[in-house]
Protein backbone atom coordinates (compact mmCIF):
# COMPACT_ATOMS: atom_id res chain seq x y z
CA MET A 1 0.19 0.01 -0.06
CA SER A 2 1.60 3.29 -1.35
CA MET A 3 0.77 6.79 1.13
CA THR A 4 1.37 10.11 0.10
CA SER A 5 1.67 12.38 3.25
CA PHE A 6 0.62 15.96 3.30
CA VAL A 7 1.34 18.74 5.81
CA ILE A 8 -1.95 20.41 7.00
CA ALA A 9 -2.80 23.13 9.72
CA THR A 10 -2.54 21.84 13.00
CA THR A 11 -6.56 20.60 13.85
CA ALA A 12 -7.65 18.34 16.66
CA CYS A 13 -9.68 15.14 16.18
CA PRO A 14 -13.12 15.69 17.39
CA HIS A 15 -13.17 12.47 19.18
CA CYS A 16 -9.86 12.41 21.27
CA GLY A 17 -8.54 15.78 21.07
CA ALA A 18 -5.22 14.61 19.43
CA GLU A 19 -3.57 17.55 17.64
CA LEU A 20 -3.08 16.50 14.14
CA ASP A 21 -0.74 17.50 11.28
CA ARG A 22 -0.31 15.70 8.44
CA ALA A 23 -2.58 13.79 6.39
CA ALA A 24 -1.73 10.67 4.31
CA PHE A 25 -3.76 9.27 1.41
CA VAL A 26 -3.82 5.77 0.65
CA TYR A 27 -4.61 6.08 -3.21
CA GLY A 28 -4.11 9.13 -5.07
CA ALA A 29 -1.73 12.39 -4.39
CA ALA A 30 -4.73 15.09 -3.81
CA SER A 31 -4.49 17.42 -0.71
CA PRO A 32 -7.29 16.89 1.36
CA ASN A 33 -10.61 18.85 0.42
CA GLU A 34 -13.62 19.61 2.63
CA GLY A 35 -15.70 16.26 3.05
CA ASP A 36 -12.78 14.08 2.55
CA LEU A 37 -12.49 11.51 5.61
CA SER A 38 -9.64 10.88 7.87
CA LEU A 39 -8.73 8.29 10.27
CA CYS A 40 -6.71 9.49 13.82
CA ALA A 41 -3.99 7.77 14.15
CA GLU A 42 -4.49 8.24 17.79
CA CYS A 43 -7.86 7.05 18.58
CA GLY A 44 -8.52 5.18 15.30
CA GLU A 45 -11.91 7.01 14.73
CA TRP A 46 -13.22 8.42 11.15
CA ALA A 47 -13.79 12.19 11.00
CA ALA A 48 -14.20 14.57 7.86
CA PHE A 49 -12.55 17.73 6.91
CA GLY A 50 -14.94 20.51 7.37
CA PRO A 51 -14.19 24.35 6.51
CA ALA A 52 -10.96 25.66 6.47
CA LEU A 53 -9.74 21.79 6.59
CA THR A 54 -10.56 21.37 10.34
CA LEU A 55 -11.72 18.19 11.58
CA ARG A 56 -15.59 17.19 12.45
CA VAL A 57 -17.14 14.49 13.54
CA PRO A 58 -18.87 12.62 10.24
CA THR A 59 -22.44 13.06 9.91
CA ASP A 60 -25.04 9.94 10.34
CA ASP A 61 -25.21 9.50 6.85
CA GLU A 62 -21.42 9.63 6.45
CA PHE A 63 -21.01 7.07 9.03
CA MET A 64 -23.49 4.64 7.28
CA GLU A 65 -21.15 5.60 3.84
CA ILE A 66 -17.83 4.65 5.83
CA GLY A 67 -19.29 1.18 7.17
CA GLU A 68 -20.33 0.01 3.92
CA ASN A 69 -17.22 0.96 2.09
CA ALA A 70 -14.35 -1.32 1.56
CA GLU A 71 -11.43 0.67 1.35
CA CYS A 72 -12.27 2.29 4.81
CA ARG A 73 -12.55 -1.14 6.31
CA ARG A 74 -9.44 -2.29 4.78
CA VAL A 75 -7.81 1.49 6.47
CA ARG A 76 -8.98 0.62 9.76
CA ALA A 77 -7.84 -2.97 10.13
CA ALA A 78 -4.61 -1.85 8.96
CA TRP A 79 -4.52 0.88 11.86
CA LEU A 80 -5.96 -1.87 14.03
CA ALA A 81 -2.54 -4.11 13.20
CA TRP A 82 -0.57 -1.20 13.60
CA GLN A 83 -1.87 -0.95 17.11
CA ARG A 84 -1.36 -4.29 18.09
CA GLU A 85 2.35 -4.42 16.46
CA GLY A 86 3.26 -1.77 18.84
CA ARG A 87 2.85 1.32 16.72
CA SER A 88 5.89 1.00 14.85
């Protein structure tokens, strides 16, 4: 799995409050846009980029889409494996 990382303005995870300053894309190489999803590296919860690229809790509809999206499930599974391996 190839990822491209971008520096973003520091924003807090809406779930755990972790300050995040990078976004990585599992596929493609575009910088984040409003509505794009992000998985917090600290708590593993999904967030969505809002205006000014701050993170917000996804809407109920977005959470439904996340649950149905195979790529989102793969990313979350990779995060869980990373946690089990000691975040190396």
